[in-house]
Amino acid sequence: MIDATVSRCIWRAEVKRAFGTPAITADGNVIAASAGDHKIHVIDGSTGVIRLSFGRQGDQPGQFNSPHGVSITRASTLLVAEQYNDRVQ
């Protein structure tokens, strides 16, 4: 369950159609999938400011088609699940 602080962080960053549970990095940043603009956003957990965005619509590596979820593995690898490409990158 997402706590209110993380929800406010995503709202302040104005992530378009954020889906799924965001991932929280070891240093407190929030990583959110944005289905509205086909990107992944790294948001400063304390200010709600987007620090980094990457991706664009497409079906090639590094491109997304309606990303709906993110997760970070124990090895610190970011995984992105996409709705319309039916894959995890």
Protein backbone atom coordinates (compact mmCIF):
# COMPACT_ATOMS: atom_id res chain seq x y z
CA MET A 1 0.00 0.00 0.00
CA ILE A 2 1.29 3.44 -0.92
CA ASP A 3 1.50 5.81 2.01
CA ALA A 4 0.19 9.37 1.81
CA THR A 5 3.68 10.87 1.52
CA VAL A 6 4.47 8.90 -1.65
CA SER A 7 1.03 9.68 -3.12
CA ARG A 8 1.56 13.43 -2.52
CA CYS A 9 5.02 13.20 -4.08
CA ILE A 10 3.60 11.70 -7.29
CA TRP A 11 0.73 14.23 -7.31
CA ARG A 12 3.13 17.19 -6.85
CA ALA A 13 5.29 15.94 -9.70
CA GLU A 14 2.20 15.91 -11.94
CA VAL A 15 2.85 12.43 -13.31
CA LYS A 16 0.34 11.77 -16.09
CA ARG A 17 -1.84 8.74 -15.38
CA ALA A 18 0.47 7.14 -12.82
CA PHE A 19 -0.30 3.42 -12.58
CA GLY A 20 0.78 0.63 -10.31
CA THR A 21 2.80 0.80 -7.16
CA PRO A 22 5.80 3.10 -7.38
CA ALA A 23 9.24 1.90 -6.39
CA ILE A 24 11.22 3.62 -3.65
CA THR A 25 15.00 3.76 -4.05
CA ALA A 26 17.49 3.35 -1.22
CA ASP A 27 18.08 7.12 -1.20
CA GLY A 28 14.37 7.94 -0.94
CA ASN A 29 13.54 8.77 -4.55
CA VAL A 30 10.21 7.60 -5.96
CA ILE A 31 10.12 5.88 -9.35
CA ALA A 32 6.72 6.06 -11.04
CA ALA A 33 5.35 4.68 -14.30
CA SER A 34 3.49 7.26 -16.36
CA ALA A 35 1.08 5.65 -18.80
CA GLY A 36 -0.02 9.09 -20.01
CA ASP A 37 3.32 10.02 -21.57
CA HIS A 38 4.92 6.55 -21.83
CA LYS A 39 7.79 7.45 -19.51
CA ILE A 40 9.34 6.51 -16.22
CA HIS A 41 9.90 9.37 -13.78
CA VAL A 42 12.38 9.51 -10.93
CA ILE A 43 10.97 11.93 -8.37
CA ASP A 44 12.79 13.49 -5.44
CA GLY A 45 11.06 11.95 -2.43
CA SER A 46 11.38 15.05 -0.30
CA THR A 47 10.46 17.79 -2.77
CA GLY A 48 8.22 16.05 -5.31
CA VAL A 49 10.33 17.42 -8.17
CA ILE A 50 11.01 15.16 -11.14
CA ARG A 51 14.78 14.57 -11.19
CA LEU A 52 14.91 12.37 -14.29
CA SER A 53 12.51 11.10 -16.94
CA PHE A 54 13.21 8.52 -19.59
CA GLY A 55 11.48 6.55 -22.29
CA ARG A 56 9.08 7.35 -25.09
CA GLN A 57 6.27 5.55 -26.85
CA GLY A 58 7.35 2.56 -28.91
CA ASP A 59 8.15 -1.12 -28.88
CA GLN A 60 11.95 -1.05 -28.98
CA PRO A 61 14.24 -1.48 -25.94
CA GLY A 62 13.95 1.58 -23.70
CA GLN A 63 10.63 2.56 -25.25
CA PHE A 64 7.32 1.95 -23.52
CA ASN A 65 3.69 1.53 -24.44
CA SER A 66 1.59 2.39 -21.41
CA PRO A 67 3.95 1.41 -18.59
CA HIS A 68 1.87 0.25 -15.65
CA GLY A 69 4.30 -0.86 -12.99
CA VAL A 70 7.85 -0.60 -11.74
CA SER A 71 9.93 -2.63 -9.34
CA ILE A 72 13.53 -2.66 -8.16
CA THR A 73 15.30 -6.00 -7.74
CA ARG A 74 17.72 -6.85 -4.95
CA ALA A 75 20.51 -6.22 -7.45
CA SER A 76 19.14 -2.66 -7.97
CA THR A 77 17.83 -3.41 -11.46
CA LEU A 78 14.74 -1.44 -12.45
CA LEU A 79 11.96 -3.50 -14.03
CA VAL A 80 9.14 -1.87 -16.01
CA ALA A 81 5.90 -3.70 -16.88
CA GLU A 82 4.04 -2.46 -19.93
CA GLN A 83 0.38 -2.97 -20.71
CA TYR A 84 0.30 -2.86 -24.49
CA ASN A 85 3.70 -4.31 -25.36
CA ASP A 86 2.95 -7.25 -23.04
CA ARG A 87 6.46 -7.34 -21.64
CA VAL A 88 8.74 -6.45 -18.76
CA GLN A 89 11.93 -4.53 -19.48
